[in-house]
Structure formats: structure tokens, C-alpha cells
N, C-alpha and C. Protein backbone atom coordinates (compact mmCIF):
# COMPACT_ATOMS: atom_id res chain seq x y z
N MET A 1 16.56 15.04 10.98
CA MET A 1 15.59 14.37 10.34
C MET A 1 16.12 12.64 10.17
N ILE A 2 14.99 11.73 10.19
CA ILE A 2 15.09 10.37 10.58
C ILE A 2 15.12 9.71 9.28
N ALA A 3 15.83 9.39 8.48
CA ALA A 3 15.68 8.94 7.34
C ALA A 3 15.67 7.18 6.84
N GLN A 4 16.31 6.40 8.26
CA GLN A 4 16.26 4.94 7.85
C GLN A 4 16.23 4.57 9.34
N LEU A 5 16.02 3.41 9.44
CA LEU A 5 15.91 3.12 10.64
C LEU A 5 15.71 1.46 10.72
N THR A 6 17.10 0.70 11.11
CA THR A 6 17.38 -0.64 11.57
C THR A 6 17.31 -1.33 12.83
N GLY A 7 16.42 -2.44 13.03
CA GLY A 7 16.52 -2.89 14.59
C GLY A 7 15.61 -4.20 14.58
N SER A 8 14.70 -4.57 15.67
CA SER A 8 14.36 -5.85 15.56
C SER A 8 12.56 -5.24 15.75
N VAL A 9 11.42 -6.14 15.43
CA VAL A 9 10.30 -6.16 15.30
C VAL A 9 9.72 -6.50 16.72
N VAL A 10 9.33 -5.57 17.44
CA VAL A 10 8.86 -5.85 18.33
C VAL A 10 7.18 -6.27 18.68
N GLU A 11 6.40 -5.18 17.36
CA GLU A 11 4.92 -6.07 17.10
C GLU A 11 4.82 -5.27 15.84
N ARG A 12 3.76 -5.88 15.53
CA ARG A 12 3.67 -5.66 13.98
C ARG A 12 2.17 -5.98 13.69
N PHE A 13 1.25 -4.83 13.04
CA PHE A 13 0.25 -4.77 12.86
C PHE A 13 0.19 -4.43 11.47
N SER A 14 -1.20 -4.45 11.01
CA SER A 14 -1.81 -4.21 9.51
C SER A 14 -1.39 -2.44 8.99
N ASP A 15 -1.54 -1.48 9.81
CA ASP A 15 -1.04 -0.59 9.54
C ASP A 15 0.22 0.01 10.66
N GLN A 16 0.90 -0.60 11.56
CA GLN A 16 1.76 -0.33 12.26
C GLN A 16 3.03 -1.17 12.85
N VAL A 17 4.06 -0.52 13.05
CA VAL A 17 4.82 -1.38 13.50
C VAL A 17 5.84 -0.59 14.64
N VAL A 18 6.39 -1.52 15.42
CA VAL A 18 7.15 -0.91 16.39
C VAL A 18 8.44 -1.50 16.09
N LEU A 19 9.39 -0.75 15.89
CA LEU A 19 10.88 -1.40 15.81
C LEU A 19 11.79 -1.01 16.79
N ASP A 20 12.49 -2.13 17.12
CA ASP A 20 13.30 -1.96 18.47
C ASP A 20 15.13 -1.59 17.98
N VAL A 21 14.96 -0.02 18.39
CA VAL A 21 16.45 0.27 17.77
C VAL A 21 17.36 0.68 18.91
N GLY A 22 18.43 0.08 19.39
CA GLY A 22 19.04 0.22 20.46
C GLY A 22 18.20 0.20 21.64
N GLY A 23 17.20 -0.31 22.18
CA GLY A 23 16.54 -0.28 22.95
C GLY A 23 15.86 0.79 22.95
N VAL A 24 15.45 1.32 21.84
CA VAL A 24 13.89 2.48 21.68
C VAL A 24 13.11 2.03 20.75
N GLY A 25 12.04 2.18 21.50
CA GLY A 25 10.92 1.44 20.46
C GLY A 25 10.42 2.45 19.65
N PHE A 26 10.49 2.69 18.34
CA PHE A 26 9.64 3.26 17.50
C PHE A 26 8.38 2.58 16.73
N LEU A 27 7.37 3.86 17.30
CA LEU A 27 6.19 3.49 16.21
C LEU A 27 6.07 4.01 15.28
N LEU A 28 6.21 3.55 13.87
CA LEU A 28 5.80 3.77 12.44
C LEU A 28 4.53 3.10 11.89
N GLY A 29 4.06 4.39 11.33
CA GLY A 29 2.93 4.02 10.32
C GLY A 29 3.64 3.23 9.30
N VAL A 30 2.66 2.21 8.73
CA VAL A 30 3.00 1.43 7.57
C VAL A 30 1.79 1.38 6.50
N SER A 31 2.05 0.98 5.27
CA SER A 31 1.02 0.45 4.32
C SER A 31 1.08 -0.94 4.43
N ALA A 32 0.06 -1.64 4.07
CA ALA A 32 -0.48 -3.09 4.17
C ALA A 32 0.75 -3.58 3.15
N THR A 33 1.35 -2.97 2.30
CA THR A 33 2.53 -4.13 1.61
C THR A 33 3.75 -4.12 2.38
N THR A 34 3.79 -2.77 2.91
CA THR A 34 5.37 -3.07 3.93
C THR A 34 5.11 -3.82 4.87
N ALA A 35 3.95 -3.70 5.59
CA ALA A 35 3.33 -4.98 6.68
C ALA A 35 3.49 -6.07 6.27
N ALA A 36 3.31 -6.68 4.92
CA ALA A 36 2.88 -7.90 4.43
C ALA A 36 4.37 -8.09 4.46
N GLN A 37 5.56 -7.47 4.18
CA GLN A 37 6.77 -7.80 3.75
C GLN A 37 7.90 -7.87 4.96
N LEU A 38 7.04 -7.48 6.04
CA LEU A 38 7.96 -7.76 7.52
C LEU A 38 8.34 -9.14 8.23
N PRO A 39 9.22 -9.56 8.35
CA PRO A 39 9.24 -10.55 8.90
C PRO A 39 8.69 -10.98 9.99
N GLU A 40 8.63 -12.03 11.21
CA GLU A 40 7.61 -12.14 12.16
C GLU A 40 8.40 -11.51 13.25
N GLN A 41 7.66 -11.49 14.11
CA GLN A 41 7.77 -10.46 15.53
C GLN A 41 9.03 -11.46 16.15
N GLY A 42 9.85 -10.39 16.57
CA GLY A 42 11.39 -10.81 17.15
C GLY A 42 12.74 -10.65 16.29
N SER A 43 12.18 -10.33 14.96
CA SER A 43 12.99 -10.52 13.72
C SER A 43 14.00 -9.41 13.82
N SER A 44 15.33 -9.78 13.66
CA SER A 44 16.27 -8.58 13.76
C SER A 44 16.90 -7.95 12.65
N ASP A 45 17.65 -6.76 12.49
CA ASP A 45 18.51 -6.18 11.22
C ASP A 45 16.94 -6.00 10.72
N VAL A 46 16.02 -5.28 10.66
CA VAL A 46 15.22 -5.13 9.83
C VAL A 46 15.28 -3.68 9.78
N THR A 47 15.43 -3.40 8.58
CA THR A 47 15.93 -2.14 7.75
C THR A 47 14.45 -1.17 6.96
N LEU A 48 13.74 -0.18 8.06
CA LEU A 48 12.86 0.67 6.94
C LEU A 48 13.17 1.83 6.58
N TYR A 49 12.74 2.47 5.46
CA TYR A 49 13.23 3.80 4.99
C TYR A 49 12.01 4.50 5.83
N THR A 50 12.29 5.75 6.40
CA THR A 50 11.26 6.66 7.22
C THR A 50 11.23 8.17 6.78
N ARG A 51 9.98 8.29 7.04
CA ARG A 51 9.69 9.91 6.96
C ARG A 51 8.99 10.59 8.25
N LEU A 52 9.47 11.24 8.89
CA LEU A 52 9.14 12.05 10.09
C LEU A 52 8.10 13.24 9.53
N LEU A 53 7.06 13.05 10.34
CA LEU A 53 6.11 14.51 9.64
C LEU A 53 5.71 15.19 10.66
N LEU A 54 5.93 16.39 10.86
CA LEU A 54 5.48 17.33 12.17
C LEU A 54 4.16 17.83 12.14
N ARG A 55 3.35 17.47 13.18
CA ARG A 55 1.94 18.25 13.03
C ARG A 55 1.68 19.08 14.64
N GLU A 56 0.71 19.65 14.35
CA GLU A 56 0.59 20.78 15.22
C GLU A 56 0.96 20.22 16.68
N SER A 57 0.02 19.07 17.13
CA SER A 57 0.32 18.25 18.38
C SER A 57 1.28 17.11 18.41
N ALA A 58 1.59 16.80 17.40
CA ALA A 58 2.25 15.10 17.50
C ALA A 58 3.52 15.31 16.36
N MET A 59 4.34 14.15 16.54
CA MET A 59 5.17 13.69 15.41
C MET A 59 4.88 12.79 15.36
N GLU A 60 4.74 12.44 13.70
CA GLU A 60 4.66 10.91 13.60
C GLU A 60 5.60 10.56 12.39
N LEU A 61 6.00 9.00 12.44
CA LEU A 61 6.89 8.29 11.87
C LEU A 61 6.20 7.46 10.82
N TYR A 62 7.01 7.25 9.67
CA TYR A 62 6.08 6.73 8.84
C TYR A 62 7.51 5.50 8.15
N GLY A 63 6.87 4.33 7.73
CA GLY A 63 8.07 3.77 7.38
C GLY A 63 7.59 2.61 6.20
N PHE A 64 8.84 2.21 5.27
CA PHE A 64 8.56 2.10 4.29
C PHE A 64 9.80 0.86 3.85
N SER A 65 9.27 -0.15 2.66
CA SER A 65 9.94 -1.03 2.43
C SER A 65 11.28 -0.54 1.39
N SER A 66 10.84 0.09 0.69
CA SER A 66 11.96 0.76 -0.48
C SER A 66 11.73 2.64 -0.18
N ARG A 67 12.77 2.86 -0.95
CA ARG A 67 12.66 4.08 -1.38
C ARG A 67 11.93 4.60 -2.04
N ASP A 68 11.55 3.90 -3.50
CA ASP A 68 10.37 4.37 -3.98
C ASP A 68 8.90 4.69 -3.36
N GLU A 69 8.90 3.72 -2.38
CA GLU A 69 7.34 3.79 -1.61
C GLU A 69 7.65 4.93 -0.72
N ARG A 70 8.93 5.44 -0.12
CA ARG A 70 8.74 6.73 0.70
C ARG A 70 8.82 7.99 -0.53
N ALA A 71 9.08 7.62 -1.28
CA ALA A 71 9.07 8.95 -2.31
C ALA A 71 7.72 8.94 -2.90
N VAL A 72 7.06 8.23 -3.27
CA VAL A 72 5.85 8.22 -3.70
C VAL A 72 4.84 8.56 -2.50
N PHE A 73 5.27 8.04 -1.33
CA PHE A 73 4.55 8.93 -0.44
C PHE A 73 4.33 10.32 0.37
N ASP A 74 5.90 10.95 -0.02
CA ASP A 74 6.10 12.09 -0.13
C ASP A 74 5.47 12.94 -0.97
N ARG A 75 5.15 12.60 -2.36
CA ARG A 75 4.49 13.34 -3.41
C ARG A 75 3.18 13.04 -2.99
N LEU A 76 2.42 12.18 -2.50
CA LEU A 76 1.11 11.84 -2.25
C LEU A 76 0.44 13.05 -1.16
N VAL A 77 1.68 13.23 -0.32
CA VAL A 77 0.98 14.03 1.08
C VAL A 77 1.08 15.31 0.49
N ALA A 78 1.91 15.57 -0.63
CA ALA A 78 1.94 17.16 -0.85
C ALA A 78 0.85 17.42 -1.76
N VAL A 79 -0.39 16.20 -2.22
CA VAL A 79 -1.29 16.99 -3.01
C VAL A 79 -2.32 17.32 -2.03
N SER A 80 -2.86 18.54 -2.31
CA SER A 80 -3.97 19.24 -1.41
C SER A 80 -5.28 17.88 -0.91
N GLY A 81 -5.58 17.89 0.22
CA GLY A 81 -6.33 17.26 0.55
C GLY A 81 -6.02 15.48 0.66
N VAL A 82 -4.77 15.43 0.63
CA VAL A 82 -4.22 14.19 0.82
C VAL A 82 -3.36 13.96 2.11
N GLY A 83 -4.05 13.02 2.96
CA GLY A 83 -2.81 12.94 4.49
C GLY A 83 -2.43 11.98 4.39
N PRO A 84 -1.68 11.31 5.30
CA PRO A 84 -0.88 10.19 5.32
C PRO A 84 -1.45 8.94 5.70
N LYS A 85 -3.20 9.22 6.00
CA LYS A 85 -3.81 8.46 6.18
C LYS A 85 -4.07 7.62 4.95
N LEU A 86 -4.63 8.74 4.00
CA LEU A 86 -5.11 8.35 2.64
C LEU A 86 -3.86 7.94 1.62
N ALA A 87 -2.72 8.88 1.83
CA ALA A 87 -1.20 7.91 1.10
C ALA A 87 -1.06 6.39 1.73
N LEU A 88 -1.30 5.97 2.97
CA LEU A 88 -0.56 4.69 3.15
C LEU A 88 -1.68 3.95 2.74
N ALA A 89 -3.25 4.13 2.36
CA ALA A 89 -4.35 3.47 1.81
C ALA A 89 -3.98 3.27 0.31
N ILE A 90 -3.50 4.03 -0.33
CA ILE A 90 -3.06 4.12 -1.57
C ILE A 90 -2.36 3.39 -1.76
N LEU A 91 -0.99 3.17 -1.09
CA LEU A 91 0.17 2.27 -1.43
C LEU A 91 -0.10 1.01 -0.60
N SER A 92 -1.19 0.82 0.21
CA SER A 92 -1.87 -0.53 0.44
C SER A 92 -1.96 -1.00 -0.72
N VAL A 93 -2.92 -0.80 -1.41
CA VAL A 93 -3.72 -1.45 -2.89
C VAL A 93 -2.45 -1.53 -3.59
N PHE A 94 -1.74 -0.33 -4.32
CA PHE A 94 -0.98 -0.52 -5.50
C PHE A 94 0.50 -0.01 -5.11
N THR A 95 1.45 -1.04 -5.46
CA THR A 95 3.05 -0.91 -5.72
C THR A 95 3.26 0.95 -6.37
N PRO A 96 4.56 1.24 -6.16
CA PRO A 96 4.51 2.56 -6.70
C PRO A 96 4.60 2.69 -7.98
N ALA A 97 5.27 1.25 -8.69
CA ALA A 97 5.33 1.30 -10.14
C ALA A 97 3.73 0.93 -10.68
N THR A 98 2.99 0.14 -10.29
CA THR A 98 1.57 0.26 -10.55
C THR A 98 0.71 1.75 -10.78
N LEU A 99 1.05 2.19 -9.49
CA LEU A 99 0.37 3.88 -9.25
C LEU A 99 1.09 4.34 -10.51
N ALA A 100 2.32 4.38 -10.95
CA ALA A 100 2.74 5.39 -11.82
C ALA A 100 1.96 4.89 -13.00
N THR A 101 1.91 3.73 -13.44
CA THR A 101 1.36 3.27 -14.61
C THR A 101 -0.07 3.67 -14.83
N ILE A 102 -0.87 3.41 -13.47
CA ILE A 102 -2.60 4.03 -13.31
C ILE A 102 -2.45 5.54 -13.73
N VAL A 103 -1.49 6.48 -13.10
CA VAL A 103 -1.49 7.75 -13.47
C VAL A 103 -0.98 7.96 -14.94
N ARG A 104 -0.06 7.22 -15.48
CA ARG A 104 0.46 7.58 -17.02
C ARG A 104 -0.89 7.21 -17.81
N LEU A 105 -1.83 6.08 -17.78
CA LEU A 105 -3.01 5.96 -18.63
C LEU A 105 -3.84 6.22 -18.07
N LYS A 106 -4.13 7.41 -16.96
CA LYS A 106 -5.22 8.30 -16.26
C LYS A 106 -6.21 7.15 -16.27
N ASP A 107 -6.26 6.04 -15.26
CA ASP A 107 -7.25 4.89 -15.29
C ASP A 107 -7.85 5.00 -13.86
N ALA A 108 -8.78 6.19 -13.99
CA ALA A 108 -9.96 6.63 -12.81
C ALA A 108 -10.43 5.47 -12.60
N SER A 109 -10.98 4.19 -13.40
CA SER A 109 -11.63 3.20 -12.40
C SER A 109 -10.92 2.50 -11.82
N ARG A 110 -9.55 2.03 -12.15
CA ARG A 110 -8.33 1.35 -11.38
C ARG A 110 -8.29 1.90 -9.82
N LEU A 111 -7.96 3.49 -10.21
CA LEU A 111 -7.65 4.10 -8.93
C LEU A 111 -8.82 4.40 -7.85
N SER A 112 -9.46 4.29 -8.30
CA SER A 112 -11.19 4.50 -7.53
C SER A 112 -11.43 2.87 -6.60
N GLN A 113 -10.48 2.05 -6.77
CA GLN A 113 -10.74 0.91 -5.78
C GLN A 113 -10.04 1.43 -4.45
N VAL A 114 -9.73 2.33 -4.31
CA VAL A 114 -8.82 2.47 -2.76
C VAL A 114 -9.88 3.09 -2.20
N PRO A 115 -10.33 2.21 -1.02
CA PRO A 115 -11.28 2.69 -0.25
C PRO A 115 -11.15 3.96 0.43
N GLY A 116 -11.92 4.70 0.05
CA GLY A 116 -12.33 6.39 0.71
C GLY A 116 -12.00 7.09 -0.26
N VAL A 117 -11.26 6.85 -1.46
CA VAL A 117 -11.22 7.67 -2.58
C VAL A 117 -12.45 7.76 -3.75
N GLY A 118 -12.92 9.15 -3.49
CA GLY A 118 -14.23 9.05 -4.32
C GLY A 118 -13.68 9.43 -5.83
N ARG A 119 -14.85 9.57 -6.83
CA ARG A 119 -14.87 10.08 -7.93
C ARG A 119 -14.15 11.67 -7.87
N LYS A 120 -14.55 12.36 -7.48
CA LYS A 120 -13.56 13.67 -7.59
C LYS A 120 -12.26 13.38 -7.00
N LYS A 121 -11.99 13.08 -6.04
CA LYS A 121 -10.34 12.54 -5.36
C LYS A 121 -9.74 11.96 -6.49
N VAL A 122 -10.23 11.10 -7.31
CA VAL A 122 -9.50 10.36 -8.06
C VAL A 122 -9.27 11.35 -9.08
N GLN A 123 -10.20 12.38 -9.83
CA GLN A 123 -9.80 13.25 -10.84
C GLN A 123 -8.49 14.15 -10.21
N HIS A 124 -8.74 14.36 -9.08
CA HIS A 124 -7.58 15.29 -8.26
C HIS A 124 -6.10 14.83 -8.55
N LEU A 125 -6.38 13.41 -7.77
CA LEU A 125 -4.93 12.81 -8.03
C LEU A 125 -4.41 12.57 -9.53
N LEU A 126 -5.13 12.24 -10.01
CA LEU A 126 -4.60 12.13 -11.69
C LEU A 126 -4.13 13.19 -12.63
N VAL A 127 -4.69 14.33 -12.43
CA VAL A 127 -4.15 15.58 -12.71
C VAL A 127 -2.97 16.02 -12.00
N GLU A 128 -2.94 15.87 -10.69
CA GLU A 128 -2.18 16.16 -9.78
C GLU A 128 -0.78 15.48 -9.83
N LEU A 129 -0.95 14.37 -10.25
CA LEU A 129 0.42 13.46 -10.05
C LEU A 129 1.11 13.19 -11.52
N GLN A 130 0.03 13.64 -12.68
CA GLN A 130 0.41 13.54 -14.37
C GLN A 130 2.19 14.29 -14.16
N ASP A 131 2.48 15.24 -13.91
CA ASP A 131 3.47 16.08 -13.90
C ASP A 131 4.50 15.39 -12.95
N VAL A 132 4.09 14.76 -11.75
CA VAL A 132 4.71 14.55 -10.62
C VAL A 132 6.03 12.97 -11.18
N PHE A 133 4.85 12.26 -11.96
CA PHE A 133 5.56 11.21 -12.22
C PHE A 133 6.51 11.06 -13.63
N ALA A 134 6.01 12.10 -14.40
CA ALA A 134 6.68 12.27 -15.88
C ALA A 134 7.96 13.14 -15.56
N GLN A 135 8.33 13.97 -14.75
CA GLN A 135 9.05 14.97 -14.63
C GLN A 135 10.06 15.05 -13.03
N ASP A 136 9.31 14.07 -12.27
CA ASP A 136 10.35 14.04 -11.07
C ASP A 136 11.43 12.97 -11.26
N GLY A 137 12.80 13.77 -11.32
CA GLY A 137 13.81 12.69 -11.47
C GLY A 137 13.97 11.24 -10.80
N GLU A 138 13.37 11.22 -9.41
CA GLU A 138 13.44 10.36 -8.74
C GLU A 138 12.37 8.84 -8.76
N LEU A 139 11.06 9.39 -9.68
CA LEU A 139 10.33 8.64 -9.95
C LEU A 139 9.90 8.32 -11.47
N ARG A 140 10.98 8.88 -12.01
CA ARG A 140 10.56 8.88 -13.79
C ARG A 140 10.81 7.83 -14.12
N ASP A 141 11.30 6.68 -13.70
CA ASP A 141 12.05 5.46 -14.00
C ASP A 141 10.66 4.18 -13.42
N LEU A 142 10.12 5.03 -12.68
CA LEU A 142 9.03 4.39 -12.33
C LEU A 142 8.01 3.90 -13.64
N VAL A 143 7.57 5.11 -14.31
CA VAL A 143 6.35 4.82 -15.46
C VAL A 143 6.91 3.95 -16.38
N GLY A 144 6.18 2.85 -16.66
CA GLY A 144 6.53 1.93 -17.39
C GLY A 144 6.81 0.42 -17.07
N ALA A 145 7.34 0.79 -15.74
CA ALA A 145 8.03 0.09 -15.18
C ALA A 145 7.07 -1.56 -14.85
N ASP A 146 5.75 -0.85 -14.63
CA ASP A 146 4.73 -1.99 -14.57
C ASP A 146 4.00 -2.11 -15.52
N GLU A 147 3.60 -3.53 -16.17
CA GLU A 147 2.97 -3.78 -17.64
C GLU A 147 2.11 -5.00 -16.72
N PRO A 148 0.76 -4.41 -16.57
CA PRO A 148 -0.38 -5.22 -16.45
C PRO A 148 -0.77 -5.53 -17.49
N SER A 149 -1.32 -6.87 -17.70
CA SER A 149 -1.35 -7.46 -19.17
C SER A 149 -3.44 -6.84 -19.31
N PRO A 150 -3.42 -6.47 -20.18
CA PRO A 150 -5.32 -6.35 -20.45
C PRO A 150 -5.96 -7.71 -20.51
N ALA A 151 -5.17 -8.72 -20.29
CA ALA A 151 -6.34 -10.22 -20.97
C ALA A 151 -6.59 -10.27 -19.36
N ALA A 152 -7.85 -11.20 -19.24
CA ALA A 152 -8.16 -12.06 -17.92
C ALA A 152 -7.13 -12.63 -17.43
N PRO A 153 -7.29 -13.19 -16.31
CA PRO A 153 -6.12 -14.12 -15.89
C PRO A 153 -6.42 -15.47 -16.23
N GLY A 154 -7.32 -16.07 -17.03
CA GLY A 154 -7.79 -17.08 -17.38
C GLY A 154 -7.59 -18.55 -16.44
N PRO A 155 -6.34 -19.06 -16.69
CA PRO A 155 -6.35 -20.27 -16.04
C PRO A 155 -6.60 -20.36 -14.78
N SER A 156 -7.23 -21.44 -14.20
CA SER A 156 -7.61 -21.63 -12.66
C SER A 156 -6.01 -21.45 -11.87
N GLU A 157 -5.18 -21.88 -12.30
CA GLU A 157 -3.57 -21.60 -11.47
C GLU A 157 -3.59 -20.55 -10.86
N THR A 158 -3.76 -19.49 -12.02
CA THR A 158 -3.38 -17.97 -11.77
C THR A 158 -4.42 -17.57 -10.90
N ASP A 159 -5.56 -17.88 -11.04
CA ASP A 159 -6.40 -17.36 -9.74
C ASP A 159 -6.10 -17.98 -8.54
N GLU A 160 -5.75 -19.14 -8.66
CA GLU A 160 -5.40 -19.79 -7.10
C GLU A 160 -4.44 -19.10 -6.81
N SER A 161 -3.46 -18.51 -7.41
CA SER A 161 -2.04 -18.08 -7.11
C SER A 161 -2.69 -16.70 -6.37
N ILE A 162 -3.66 -15.61 -6.96
CA ILE A 162 -3.75 -14.49 -6.66
C ILE A 162 -4.66 -14.72 -5.12
N VAL A 163 -5.20 -15.93 -4.76
CA VAL A 163 -6.03 -15.95 -3.49
C VAL A 163 -4.88 -16.64 -2.75
N ARG A 164 -4.11 -17.24 -2.83
CA ARG A 164 -3.01 -17.67 -1.97
C ARG A 164 -2.18 -16.37 -1.83
N GLU A 165 -1.75 -15.71 -2.34
CA GLU A 165 -0.88 -14.00 -2.34
C GLU A 165 -1.77 -13.48 -1.51
N ALA A 166 -2.79 -13.13 -1.44
CA ALA A 166 -3.83 -12.28 -0.85
C ALA A 166 -4.02 -12.74 0.06
N SER A 167 -4.25 -14.30 0.44
CA SER A 167 -4.83 -14.77 1.84
C SER A 167 -3.32 -14.50 2.56
N SER A 168 -2.21 -14.81 2.31
CA SER A 168 -0.81 -14.53 2.52
C SER A 168 -0.55 -13.38 3.26
N ALA A 169 -1.20 -12.65 2.45
CA ALA A 169 -1.05 -10.82 2.98
C ALA A 169 -1.65 -10.82 3.99
N LEU A 170 -3.07 -11.20 3.56
CA LEU A 170 -4.02 -10.77 4.95
C LEU A 170 -3.77 -11.39 5.99
N LEU A 171 -3.52 -12.23 6.00
CA LEU A 171 -2.87 -13.21 7.47
C LEU A 171 -1.47 -12.55 7.85
N SER A 172 -0.52 -12.05 7.35
CA SER A 172 0.42 -11.24 7.89
C SER A 172 0.08 -9.88 8.40
N MET A 173 -1.07 -9.14 8.08
CA MET A 173 -1.76 -8.32 9.07
C MET A 173 -2.35 -8.35 10.19
N GLY A 174 -2.69 -10.08 10.88
CA GLY A 174 -3.48 -10.34 11.82
C GLY A 174 -4.71 -11.02 11.78
N PHE A 175 -5.12 -10.58 10.33
CA PHE A 175 -6.91 -11.27 10.15
C PHE A 175 -6.39 -12.84 10.10
N THR A 176 -7.61 -13.59 10.82
CA THR A 176 -7.87 -15.27 11.03
C THR A 176 -8.37 -15.31 9.44
N SER A 177 -7.56 -17.20 9.57
CA SER A 177 -8.14 -17.70 8.08
C SER A 177 -9.63 -17.70 7.93
N GLN A 178 -10.51 -17.66 9.42
CA GLN A 178 -11.57 -17.48 8.99
C GLN A 178 -12.29 -16.38 8.09
N GLU A 179 -11.74 -15.06 9.09
CA GLU A 179 -12.07 -13.44 8.19
C GLU A 179 -11.83 -13.87 6.88
N ILE A 180 -10.78 -14.17 6.47
CA ILE A 180 -9.74 -14.10 5.11
C ILE A 180 -10.80 -15.00 4.25
N GLU A 181 -10.99 -15.99 4.62
CA GLU A 181 -12.07 -16.79 3.42
C GLU A 181 -13.53 -16.14 3.65
N ARG A 182 -14.08 -15.32 4.65
CA ARG A 182 -15.56 -14.69 4.24
C ARG A 182 -14.98 -13.27 3.43
N ALA A 183 -14.20 -13.30 3.86
CA ALA A 183 -13.62 -11.32 2.96
C ALA A 183 -13.69 -11.73 1.36
N LEU A 184 -13.25 -12.82 1.28
CA LEU A 184 -12.81 -13.45 -0.41
C LEU A 184 -14.33 -13.85 -0.91
N GLU A 185 -15.19 -14.35 -0.23
CA GLU A 185 -16.29 -14.55 -0.94
C GLU A 185 -16.72 -13.52 -1.84
N GLY A 186 -17.26 -14.37 -3.08
CA GLY A 186 -18.06 -12.91 -3.86
C GLY A 186 -17.17 -12.27 -4.83
N ARG A 187 -15.99 -12.54 -4.64
CA ARG A 187 -14.41 -11.74 -5.55
C ARG A 187 -14.91 -11.45 -6.84
N THR A 188 -15.26 -12.81 -7.19
CA THR A 188 -15.30 -12.91 -8.97
C THR A 188 -16.48 -12.30 -9.42
N ARG A 189 -17.95 -11.96 -8.61
CA ARG A 189 -18.49 -11.26 -9.11
C ARG A 189 -18.44 -10.12 -8.81
N ALA A 190 -17.34 -9.47 -8.16
CA ALA A 190 -17.19 -8.24 -8.02
C ALA A 190 -16.27 -8.12 -9.16
N ASP A 191 -15.39 -8.63 -9.66
CA ASP A 191 -14.22 -8.68 -10.90
C ASP A 191 -12.91 -8.61 -10.22
N ALA A 192 -12.73 -8.76 -8.92
CA ALA A 192 -11.58 -8.98 -8.24
C ALA A 192 -10.45 -9.85 -9.11
N ASP A 193 -10.23 -9.37 -9.91
CA ASP A 193 -9.00 -10.39 -10.84
C ASP A 193 -7.89 -10.30 -10.81
N THR A 194 -7.45 -9.48 -10.28
CA THR A 194 -5.69 -9.25 -9.84
C THR A 194 -5.23 -9.05 -8.61
N LEU A 195 -4.34 -9.02 -7.92
CA LEU A 195 -4.02 -9.11 -6.62
C LEU A 195 -4.48 -8.00 -5.84
N GLU A 196 -3.80 -6.61 -6.70
CA GLU A 196 -4.51 -5.54 -6.35
C GLU A 196 -6.03 -5.51 -5.95
N LYS A 197 -6.62 -5.89 -7.05
CA LYS A 197 -8.19 -5.68 -7.04
C LYS A 197 -8.80 -6.55 -5.51
N THR A 198 -8.24 -7.85 -5.49
CA THR A 198 -8.63 -8.56 -4.46
C THR A 198 -8.08 -8.52 -3.37
N LEU A 199 -7.17 -7.56 -3.00
CA LEU A 199 -6.79 -6.80 -1.71
C LEU A 199 -7.75 -5.73 -1.25
N SER A 200 -7.66 -5.15 -2.14
CA SER A 200 -8.74 -4.06 -2.06
C SER A 200 -10.21 -4.47 -1.88
N TYR A 201 -10.86 -5.83 -2.51
CA TYR A 201 -11.79 -5.82 -2.21
C TYR A 201 -11.93 -6.58 -0.56
N ALA A 202 -11.38 -7.24 -0.03
CA ALA A 202 -11.23 -8.03 1.11
C ALA A 202 -10.92 -7.14 1.97
N LEU A 203 -10.25 -5.98 2.05
CA LEU A 203 -10.34 -5.28 3.09
C LEU A 203 -11.24 -4.55 3.18
N ARG A 204 -11.67 -3.91 1.96
CA ARG A 204 -13.45 -3.10 2.20
C ARG A 204 -14.26 -3.99 2.96
N ARG A 205 -14.21 -5.39 2.81
CA ARG A 205 -15.31 -6.30 3.54
C ARG A 205 -14.65 -6.39 5.00
N LEU A 206 -13.20 -6.50 5.51
CA LEU A 206 -13.30 -6.67 6.80
C LEU A 206 -13.28 -5.50 7.24
N GLY A 207 -13.57 -4.21 6.79
CA GLY A 207 -13.67 -3.23 7.47
C GLY A 207 -14.81 -2.76 7.62
N GLY A 208 -15.86 -3.28 6.80
CA GLY A 208 -17.38 -3.08 6.93
C GLY A 208 -17.75 -2.57 5.89
N GLY A 209 -17.05 -2.45 5.02
CA GLY A 209 -17.80 -1.51 3.80
C GLY A 209 -18.21 -2.31 2.79
N SER A 210 -18.94 -3.52 2.85
CA SER A 210 -19.60 -3.91 1.94
C SER A 210 -21.07 -3.98 2.70
């Protein structure tokens, strides 16, 4: 089992990274969150926690910026009807702590922000993950770690910070400034008033979902 890799970033995309480890290039699937945290191409001593999944016709390797993200990925793919692609889509919108809070609060509307997750899938996930976060020793500490404020962002500086952070994350995924500017148009009308909502809104538009 490959649990961790340390090497140099050869290529980086929004959902994949190639890591050179001792002259061997490993292709890893990653969430947008992990991709945004990776350093520039050519950077060395980059460590990713990994998970190797065996399929009928292939071996697929996935990389994560933290042990918590890997642990949540493991629990997500164990849910019936959830594959690696959907698990990474969820982790691209929410941090592990935020997802734990969403599950604890049974916040179906927030979980439905993930592209490709319909109403039935949302309810299924909330039911399946309730006990996971409450009883799993590795994930129990995540519950309550995220404390989203119920109030609207309010000050324009906060709104500008959200746009700035979202733009930075999208740039790191390979999108151009022009694409990002168009993708963020109309986000306030869509109630994209947090970083997670803004990224989800922009990624849907960039993927042709609006």
C-alpha cells in the first residue's frame, strides 16, 4: 500500500498532479482544494498523503494535502453510489471540517452545492455519514471544528477577500483571469456569499453548468 509520496511537481492540473519520486512519475487524482495548495511546477520536497484504489482494469492513485482529507475520502467512497470522482468533487467544495459540520447540522441545502449531487444523493450522504463522523475515532475531532458564522459577510472588505481567494484558487487550477472574471459574474445574485459557495458557483459556470 502506498500511503505517502514526497517528490517534485512535474505537472499540475485542477484535478490531477504528476509527482516525480526518484525518477518515477506518479499520476495522482486530487481535489481542487489540494491542487490549489500545491506549489509551482518544479517545486521539490512536496508531500502528498495517498490512497491506491484497485479497479477491474486499472490501479488509480489519489493524493491529499492532509490526513483528514484522505480519511474523509476513504469514508466517502465507502458509501454506496459514491465513487472517487464524486468524493473528490465534494472535497473540492468543502474542507473535511466543514463537511463534518454540514453532516452534523444535516444541512442538505449546503451539501447540494456540490456539482453532480442531486437531492436524493444529498439525503443519502447525510444519513450514511452521520454515524461516520460521530463514531469514527479518526474523524470525530472534526465535528464542531468548523464554525461558520450565520451572519452575512457584510463588509465589502470581506466580500473582496472571498473574491480574491477564489480567484487565486481558480488561477492555480489553470483557468485564465478572463475566464475567472466571467465565471464570477452574478455570484451575489446566486447567494454565493462564502468561499465554498463562490468556488462551487464558478466551477459550475466554468464547466458549462449554468
